[in-house]
């Protein structure tokens, strides 16, 4: 699979259907994700596999992510917002 296809899939999966998440994740996927390494993209994909409510709680700092690697990705998303 090519890098462009992978990025398009991650962009598509960043569209969650929950407006609050879409407003954070879609611009992040468009603007920041292309500059990420393959391992960082893997962590972002892991984040996207989580439930919307959990991701939302982490992004609004109501709760920490359960794993350090996921929290690092949440921090990167928040820093880019």
PDB file of N, CA and C in Angstrom:
ATOM      1  N   UNK A   1       0.852  -1.178   0.000  1.00  0.00           N
ATOM      2  CA  UNK A   1       0.000   0.000   0.000  1.00  0.00           C
ATOM      3  C   UNK A   1       0.900   1.244   0.000  1.00  0.00           C
ATOM      4  N   UNK A   2       0.531   2.224  -0.754  1.00  0.00           N
ATOM      5  CA  UNK A   2       1.361   3.412  -0.850  1.00  0.00           C
ATOM      6  C   UNK A   2       1.082   4.363   0.304  1.00  0.00           C
ATOM      7  N   UNK A   3       2.016   5.260   0.509  1.00  0.00           N
ATOM      8  CA  UNK A   3       1.873   6.243   1.586  1.00  0.00           C
ATOM      9  C   UNK A   3       0.645   7.118   1.375  1.00  0.00           C
ATOM     10  N   UNK A   4       0.383   7.521   0.118  1.00  0.00           N
ATOM     11  CA  UNK A   4      -0.770   8.377  -0.175  1.00  0.00           C
ATOM     12  C   UNK A   4      -2.075   7.679   0.174  1.00  0.00           C
ATOM     13  N   UNK A   5      -2.162   6.387  -0.115  1.00  0.00           N
ATOM     14  CA  UNK A   5      -3.373   5.626   0.204  1.00  0.00           C
ATOM     15  C   UNK A   5      -3.539   5.524   1.715  1.00  0.00           C
ATOM     16  N   UNK A   6      -2.437   5.249   2.426  1.00  0.00           N
ATOM     17  CA  UNK A   6      -2.490   5.170   3.888  1.00  0.00           C
ATOM     18  C   UNK A   6      -2.978   6.485   4.487  1.00  0.00           C
ATOM     19  N   UNK A   7      -2.453   7.597   4.001  1.00  0.00           N
ATOM     20  CA  UNK A   7      -2.860   8.902   4.515  1.00  0.00           C
ATOM     21  C   UNK A   7      -4.335   9.171   4.241  1.00  0.00           C
ATOM     22  N   UNK A   8      -4.806   8.797   3.061  1.00  0.00           N
ATOM     23  CA  UNK A   8      -6.225   8.997   2.742  1.00  0.00           C
ATOM     24  C   UNK A   8      -7.111   8.170   3.666  1.00  0.00           C
ATOM     25  N   UNK A   9      -6.702   6.958   3.961  1.00  0.00           N
ATOM     26  CA  UNK A   9      -7.482   6.113   4.875  1.00  0.00           C
ATOM     27  C   UNK A   9      -7.503   6.706   6.280  1.00  0.00           C
ATOM     28  N   UNK A  10      -6.347   7.179   6.742  1.00  0.00           N
ATOM     29  CA  UNK A  10      -6.307   7.776   8.078  1.00  0.00           C
ATOM     30  C   UNK A  10      -7.125   9.060   8.120  1.00  0.00           C
ATOM     31  N   UNK A  11      -7.067   9.832   7.033  1.00  0.00           N
ATOM     32  CA  UNK A  11      -7.894  11.039   6.971  1.00  0.00           C
ATOM     33  C   UNK A  11      -9.370  10.651   7.067  1.00  0.00           C
ATOM     34  N   UNK A  12      -9.778   9.662   6.304  1.00  0.00           N
ATOM     35  CA  UNK A  12     -11.171   9.219   6.321  1.00  0.00           C
ATOM     36  C   UNK A  12     -11.577   8.742   7.712  1.00  0.00           C
ATOM     37  N   UNK A  13     -10.718   7.986   8.371  1.00  0.00           N
ATOM     38  CA  UNK A  13     -11.027   7.474   9.712  1.00  0.00           C
ATOM     39  C   UNK A  13     -10.985   8.568  10.777  1.00  0.00           C
ATOM     40  N   UNK A  14     -10.374   9.704  10.439  1.00  0.00           N
ATOM     41  CA  UNK A  14     -10.367  10.840  11.365  1.00  0.00           C
ATOM     42  C   UNK A  14     -11.725  11.519  11.415  1.00  0.00           C
ATOM     43  N   UNK A  15     -12.538  11.283  10.405  1.00  0.00           N
ATOM     44  CA  UNK A  15     -13.900  11.821  10.383  1.00  0.00           C
ATOM     45  C   UNK A  15     -14.764  10.881  11.198  1.00  0.00           C
ATOM     46  N   UNK A  16     -15.063  11.280  12.414  1.00  0.00           N
ATOM     47  CA  UNK A  16     -15.705  10.393  13.370  1.00  0.00           C
ATOM     48  C   UNK A  16     -17.223  10.487  13.378  1.00  0.00           C
ATOM     49  N   UNK A  17     -17.785  11.576  12.890  1.00  0.00           N
ATOM     50  CA  UNK A  17     -19.221  11.752  12.969  1.00  0.00           C
ATOM     51  C   UNK A  17     -19.649  12.471  14.235  1.00  0.00           C
ATOM     52  N   UNK A  18     -18.699  12.746  15.104  1.00  0.00           N
ATOM     53  CA  UNK A  18     -18.943  13.528  16.315  1.00  0.00           C
ATOM     54  C   UNK A  18     -18.278  14.880  16.055  1.00  0.00           C
ATOM     55  N   UNK A  19     -19.066  15.925  15.950  1.00  0.00           N
ATOM     56  CA  UNK A  19     -18.568  17.227  15.531  1.00  0.00           C
ATOM     57  C   UNK A  19     -17.337  17.680  16.304  1.00  0.00           C
ATOM     58  N   UNK A  20     -17.367  17.515  17.605  1.00  0.00           N
ATOM     59  CA  UNK A  20     -16.247  17.961  18.434  1.00  0.00           C
ATOM     60  C   UNK A  20     -14.947  17.268  18.038  1.00  0.00           C
ATOM     61  N   UNK A  21     -15.027  15.966  17.758  1.00  0.00           N
ATOM     62  CA  UNK A  21     -13.835  15.234  17.334  1.00  0.00           C
ATOM     63  C   UNK A  21     -13.426  15.613  15.924  1.00  0.00           C
ATOM     64  N   UNK A  22     -14.400  15.771  15.044  1.00  0.00           N
ATOM     65  CA  UNK A  22     -14.097  16.148  13.661  1.00  0.00           C
ATOM     66  C   UNK A  22     -13.355  17.475  13.602  1.00  0.00           C
ATOM     67  N   UNK A  23     -13.736  18.416  14.452  1.00  0.00           N
ATOM     68  CA  UNK A  23     -13.101  19.738  14.446  1.00  0.00           C
ATOM     69  C   UNK A  23     -11.646  19.689  14.911  1.00  0.00           C
ATOM     70  N   UNK A  24     -11.291  18.664  15.650  1.00  0.00           N
ATOM     71  CA  UNK A  24      -9.911  18.506  16.117  1.00  0.00           C
ATOM     72  C   UNK A  24      -9.125  17.564  15.200  1.00  0.00           C
ATOM     73  N   UNK A  25      -9.693  16.404  14.901  1.00  0.00           N
ATOM     74  CA  UNK A  25      -8.944  15.366  14.205  1.00  0.00           C
ATOM     75  C   UNK A  25      -8.771  15.606  12.703  1.00  0.00           C
ATOM     76  N   UNK A  26      -9.777  16.140  12.041  1.00  0.00           N
ATOM     77  CA  UNK A  26      -9.674  16.330  10.588  1.00  0.00           C
ATOM     78  C   UNK A  26      -8.572  17.329  10.228  1.00  0.00           C
ATOM     79  N   UNK A  27      -8.532  18.516  10.841  1.00  0.00           N
ATOM     80  CA  UNK A  27      -7.421  19.423  10.525  1.00  0.00           C
ATOM     81  C   UNK A  27      -6.055  18.824  10.880  1.00  0.00           C
ATOM     82  N   UNK A  28      -6.002  18.082  11.977  1.00  0.00           N
ATOM     83  CA  UNK A  28      -4.761  17.422  12.366  1.00  0.00           C
ATOM     84  C   UNK A  28      -4.324  16.440  11.282  1.00  0.00           C
ATOM     85  N   UNK A  29      -5.254  15.630  10.807  1.00  0.00           N
ATOM     86  CA  UNK A  29      -4.931  14.643   9.772  1.00  0.00           C
ATOM     87  C   UNK A  29      -4.500  15.323   8.473  1.00  0.00           C
ATOM     88  N   UNK A  30      -5.117  16.438   8.149  1.00  0.00           N
ATOM     89  CA  UNK A  30      -4.769  17.150   6.917  1.00  0.00           C
ATOM     90  C   UNK A  30      -3.408  17.833   7.016  1.00  0.00           C
ATOM     91  N   UNK A  31      -3.138  18.466   8.141  1.00  0.00           N
ATOM     92  CA  UNK A  31      -1.979  19.351   8.247  1.00  0.00           C
ATOM     93  C   UNK A  31      -0.747  18.744   8.898  1.00  0.00           C
ATOM     94  N   UNK A  32      -0.919  17.874   9.845  1.00  0.00           N
ATOM     95  CA  UNK A  32       0.203  17.374  10.633  1.00  0.00           C
ATOM     96  C   UNK A  32       0.565  15.931  10.290  1.00  0.00           C
ATOM     97  N   UNK A  33      -0.426  15.107  10.090  1.00  0.00           N
ATOM     98  CA  UNK A  33      -0.193  13.682   9.865  1.00  0.00           C
ATOM     99  C   UNK A  33       0.783  13.389   8.721  1.00  0.00           C
ATOM    100  N   UNK A  34       0.750  14.120   7.614  1.00  0.00           N
ATOM    101  CA  UNK A  34       1.708  13.814   6.528  1.00  0.00           C
ATOM    102  C   UNK A  34       3.169  13.937   6.938  1.00  0.00           C
ATOM    103  N   UNK A  35       3.468  14.726   7.951  1.00  0.00           N
ATOM    104  CA  UNK A  35       4.856  14.895   8.389  1.00  0.00           C
ATOM    105  C   UNK A  35       5.283  13.842   9.413  1.00  0.00           C
ATOM    106  N   UNK A  36       4.368  12.994   9.841  1.00  0.00           N
ATOM    107  CA  UNK A  36       4.670  11.985  10.858  1.00  0.00           C
ATOM    108  C   UNK A  36       5.465  10.821  10.276  1.00  0.00           C
ATOM    109  N   UNK A  37       6.251  10.199  11.142  1.00  0.00           N
ATOM    110  CA  UNK A  37       6.963   8.971  10.771  1.00  0.00           C
ATOM    111  C   UNK A  37       5.958   7.820  10.705  1.00  0.00           C
ATOM    112  N   UNK A  38       6.413   6.706  10.181  1.00  0.00           N
ATOM    113  CA  UNK A  38       5.543   5.531  10.087  1.00  0.00           C
ATOM    114  C   UNK A  38       5.096   5.064  11.471  1.00  0.00           C
ATOM    115  N   UNK A  39       5.998   5.111  12.450  1.00  0.00           N
ATOM    116  CA  UNK A  39       5.617   4.665  13.800  1.00  0.00           C
ATOM    117  C   UNK A  39       4.608   5.626  14.427  1.00  0.00           C
ATOM    118  N   UNK A  40       4.762   6.922  14.188  1.00  0.00           N
ATOM    119  CA  UNK A  40       3.789   7.888  14.707  1.00  0.00           C
ATOM    120  C   UNK A  40       2.428   7.681  14.052  1.00  0.00           C
ATOM    121  N   UNK A  41       2.438   7.389  12.781  1.00  0.00           N
ATOM    122  CA  UNK A  41       1.166   7.111  12.093  1.00  0.00           C
ATOM    123  C   UNK A  41       0.511   5.857  12.662  1.00  0.00           C
ATOM    124  N   UNK A  42       1.333   4.888  13.022  1.00  0.00           N
ATOM    125  CA  UNK A  42       0.804   3.676  13.655  1.00  0.00           C
ATOM    126  C   UNK A  42       0.136   3.984  14.980  1.00  0.00           C
ATOM    127  N   UNK A  43       0.733   4.872  15.756  1.00  0.00           N
ATOM    128  CA  UNK A  43       0.128   5.277  17.029  1.00  0.00           C
ATOM    129  C   UNK A  43      -1.169   6.051  16.790  1.00  0.00           C
ATOM    130  N   UNK A  44      -1.179   6.885  15.765  1.00  0.00           N
ATOM    131  CA  UNK A  44      -2.407   7.619  15.440  1.00  0.00           C
ATOM    132  C   UNK A  44      -3.504   6.632  15.037  1.00  0.00           C
ATOM    133  N   UNK A  45      -3.151   5.628  14.253  1.00  0.00           N
ATOM    134  CA  UNK A  45      -4.125   4.599  13.860  1.00  0.00           C
ATOM    135  C   UNK A  45      -4.653   3.861  15.095  1.00  0.00           C
ATOM    136  N   UNK A  46      -3.782   3.589  16.061  1.00  0.00           N
ATOM    137  CA  UNK A  46      -4.222   2.950  17.316  1.00  0.00           C
ATOM    138  C   UNK A  46      -5.221   3.840  18.049  1.00  0.00           C
ATOM    139  N   UNK A  47      -4.929   5.139  18.066  1.00  0.00           N
ATOM    140  CA  UNK A  47      -5.844   6.075  18.714  1.00  0.00           C
ATOM    141  C   UNK A  47      -7.210   6.035  18.030  1.00  0.00           C
ATOM    142  N   UNK A  48      -7.207   6.024  16.693  1.00  0.00           N
ATOM    143  CA  UNK A  48      -8.463   6.023  15.947  1.00  0.00           C
ATOM    144  C   UNK A  48      -9.274   4.745  16.160  1.00  0.00           C
ATOM    145  N   UNK A  49      -8.631   3.688  16.616  1.00  0.00           N
ATOM    146  CA  UNK A  49      -9.338   2.426  16.876  1.00  0.00           C
ATOM    147  C   UNK A  49     -10.120   2.469  18.190  1.00  0.00           C
ATOM    148  N   UNK A  50      -9.884   3.494  18.984  1.00  0.00           N
ATOM    149  CA  UNK A  50     -10.581   3.622  20.262  1.00  0.00           C
ATOM    150  C   UNK A  50     -11.986   4.191  20.063  1.00  0.00           C
ATOM    151  N   UNK A  51     -12.795   4.088  21.096  1.00  0.00           N
ATOM    152  CA  UNK A  51     -14.170   4.591  21.053  1.00  0.00           C
ATOM    153  C   UNK A  51     -14.192   6.117  21.037  1.00  0.00           C
ATOM    154  N   UNK A  52     -15.138   6.686  20.320  1.00  0.00           N
ATOM    155  CA  UNK A  52     -15.247   8.143  20.203  1.00  0.00           C
ATOM    156  C   UNK A  52     -15.324   8.829  21.562  1.00  0.00           C
ATOM    157  N   UNK A  53     -16.131   8.303  22.452  1.00  0.00           N
ATOM    158  CA  UNK A  53     -16.292   8.933  23.768  1.00  0.00           C
ATOM    159  C   UNK A  53     -14.980   8.947  24.544  1.00  0.00           C
ATOM    160  N   UNK A  54     -14.204   7.876  24.418  1.00  0.00           N
ATOM    161  CA  UNK A  54     -12.915   7.826  25.100  1.00  0.00           C
ATOM    162  C   UNK A  54     -11.964   8.871  24.513  1.00  0.00           C
ATOM    163  N   UNK A  55     -11.874   8.915  23.192  1.00  0.00           N
ATOM    164  CA  UNK A  55     -11.001   9.892  22.535  1.00  0.00           C
ATOM    165  C   UNK A  55     -11.414  11.302  22.939  1.00  0.00           C
ATOM    166  N   UNK A  56     -12.694  11.564  22.963  1.00  0.00           N
ATOM    167  CA  UNK A  56     -13.180  12.885  23.343  1.00  0.00           C
ATOM    168  C   UNK A  56     -12.755  13.234  24.763  1.00  0.00           C
ATOM    169  N   UNK A  57     -12.926  12.306  25.680  1.00  0.00           N
ATOM    170  CA  UNK A  57     -12.532  12.547  27.075  1.00  0.00           C
ATOM    171  C   UNK A  57     -11.040  12.872  27.182  1.00  0.00           C
ATOM    172  N   UNK A  58     -10.230  12.160  26.419  1.00  0.00           N
ATOM    173  CA  UNK A  58      -8.785  12.405  26.451  1.00  0.00           C
ATOM    174  C   UNK A  58      -8.444  13.769  25.865  1.00  0.00           C
ATOM    175  N   UNK A  59      -9.116  14.131  24.779  1.00  0.00           N
ATOM    176  CA  UNK A  59      -8.790  15.382  24.096  1.00  0.00           C
ATOM    177  C   UNK A  59      -9.266  16.622  24.848  1.00  0.00           C
ATOM    178  N   UNK A  60     -10.292  16.487  25.662  1.00  0.00           N
ATOM    179  CA  UNK A  60     -10.745  17.634  26.456  1.00  0.00           C
ATOM    180  C   UNK A  60     -10.177  17.560  27.879  1.00  0.00           C
ATOM    181  N   UNK A  61      -9.223  16.664  28.055  1.00  0.00           N
ATOM    182  CA  UNK A  61      -8.473  16.524  29.314  1.00  0.00           C
ATOM    183  C   UNK A  61      -9.347  16.178  30.512  1.00  0.00           C
ATOM    184  N   UNK A  62     -10.424  15.468  30.247  1.00  0.00           N
ATOM    185  CA  UNK A  62     -11.275  15.001  31.347  1.00  0.00           C
ATOM    186  C   UNK A  62     -10.703  13.722  31.959  1.00  0.00           C
ATOM    187  N   UNK A  63      -9.912  13.005  31.165  1.00  0.00           N
ATOM    188  CA  UNK A  63      -9.301  11.765  31.630  1.00  0.00           C
ATOM    189  C   UNK A  63      -8.029  11.526  30.831  1.00  0.00           C
ATOM    190  N   UNK A  64      -7.035  10.917  31.450  1.00  0.00           N
ATOM    191  CA  UNK A  64      -5.823  10.578  30.696  1.00  0.00           C
ATOM    192  C   UNK A  64      -6.053   9.318  29.864  1.00  0.00           C
ATOM    193  N   UNK A  65      -5.328   9.212  28.780  1.00  0.00           N
ATOM    194  CA  UNK A  65      -5.381   7.979  27.984  1.00  0.00           C
ATOM    195  C   UNK A  65      -4.811   6.836  28.830  1.00  0.00           C
ATOM    196  N   UNK A  66      -5.290   5.617  28.627  1.00  0.00           N
ATOM    197  CA  UNK A  66      -4.875   4.510  29.485  1.00  0.00           C
ATOM    198  C   UNK A  66      -3.444   4.023  29.254  1.00  0.00           C
ATOM    199  N   UNK A  67      -2.865   4.374  28.116  1.00  0.00           N
ATOM    200  CA  UNK A  67      -1.494   3.962  27.808  1.00  0.00           C
ATOM    201  C   UNK A  67      -0.654   5.198  27.522  1.00  0.00           C
ATOM    202  N   UNK A  68       0.597   5.146  27.926  1.00  0.00           N
ATOM    203  CA  UNK A  68       1.487   6.282  27.733  1.00  0.00           C
ATOM    204  C   UNK A  68       1.616   6.661  26.257  1.00  0.00           C
ATOM    205  N   UNK A  69       1.721   5.662  25.372  1.00  0.00           N
ATOM    206  CA  UNK A  69       1.877   5.956  23.943  1.00  0.00           C
ATOM    207  C   UNK A  69       0.648   6.668  23.377  1.00  0.00           C
ATOM    208  N   UNK A  70      -0.527   6.296  23.851  1.00  0.00           N
ATOM    209  CA  UNK A  70      -1.738   6.987  23.405  1.00  0.00           C
ATOM    210  C   UNK A  70      -1.789   8.405  23.953  1.00  0.00           C
ATOM    211  N   UNK A  71      -1.345   8.583  25.197  1.00  0.00           N
ATOM    212  CA  UNK A  71      -1.330   9.923  25.784  1.00  0.00           C
ATOM    213  C   UNK A  71      -0.351  10.822  25.044  1.00  0.00           C
ATOM    214  N   UNK A  72       0.762  10.281  24.618  1.00  0.00           N
ATOM    215  CA  UNK A  72       1.716  11.059  23.837  1.00  0.00           C
ATOM    216  C   UNK A  72       1.065  11.550  22.538  1.00  0.00           C
ATOM    217  N   UNK A  73       0.303  10.661  21.892  1.00  0.00           N
ATOM    218  CA  UNK A  73      -0.389  11.063  20.650  1.00  0.00           C
ATOM    219  C   UNK A  73      -1.438  12.113  20.947  1.00  0.00           C
ATOM    220  N   UNK A  74      -2.189  11.958  22.029  1.00  0.00           N
ATOM    221  CA  UNK A  74      -3.183  12.971  22.423  1.00  0.00           C
ATOM    222  C   UNK A  74      -2.485  14.309  22.629  1.00  0.00           C
ATOM    223  N   UNK A  75      -1.341  14.300  23.293  1.00  0.00           N
ATOM    224  CA  UNK A  75      -0.587  15.528  23.533  1.00  0.00           C
ATOM    225  C   UNK A  75      -0.142  16.179  22.217  1.00  0.00           C
ATOM    226  N   UNK A  76       0.272  15.357  21.253  1.00  0.00           N
ATOM    227  CA  UNK A  76       0.682  15.887  19.950  1.00  0.00           C
ATOM    228  C   UNK A  76      -0.511  16.532  19.231  1.00  0.00           C
ATOM    229  N   UNK A  77      -1.662  15.894  19.309  1.00  0.00           N
ATOM    230  CA  UNK A  77      -2.869  16.444  18.673  1.00  0.00           C
ATOM    231  C   UNK A  77      -3.232  17.772  19.324  1.00  0.00           C
ATOM    232  N   UNK A  78      -3.208  17.816  20.645  1.00  0.00           N
ATOM    233  CA  UNK A  78      -3.557  19.049  21.355  1.00  0.00           C
ATOM    234  C   UNK A  78      -2.554  20.164  21.069  1.00  0.00           C
ATOM    235  N   UNK A  79      -1.296  19.820  20.953  1.00  0.00           N
ATOM    236  CA  UNK A  79      -0.270  20.827  20.661  1.00  0.00           C
ATOM    237  C   UNK A  79      -0.454  21.420  19.269  1.00  0.00           C
ATOM    238  N   UNK A  80      -1.015  20.631  18.363  1.00  0.00           N
ATOM    239  CA  UNK A  80      -1.217  21.104  16.979  1.00  0.00           C
ATOM    240  C   UNK A  80      -2.521  21.876  16.813  1.00  0.00           C
ATOM    241  N   UNK A  81      -3.384  21.803  17.812  1.00  0.00           N
ATOM    242  CA  UNK A  81      -4.695  22.459  17.703  1.00  0.00           C
ATOM    243  C   UNK A  81      -4.594  23.948  17.920  1.00  0.00           C
TER     244      UNK A  81
END
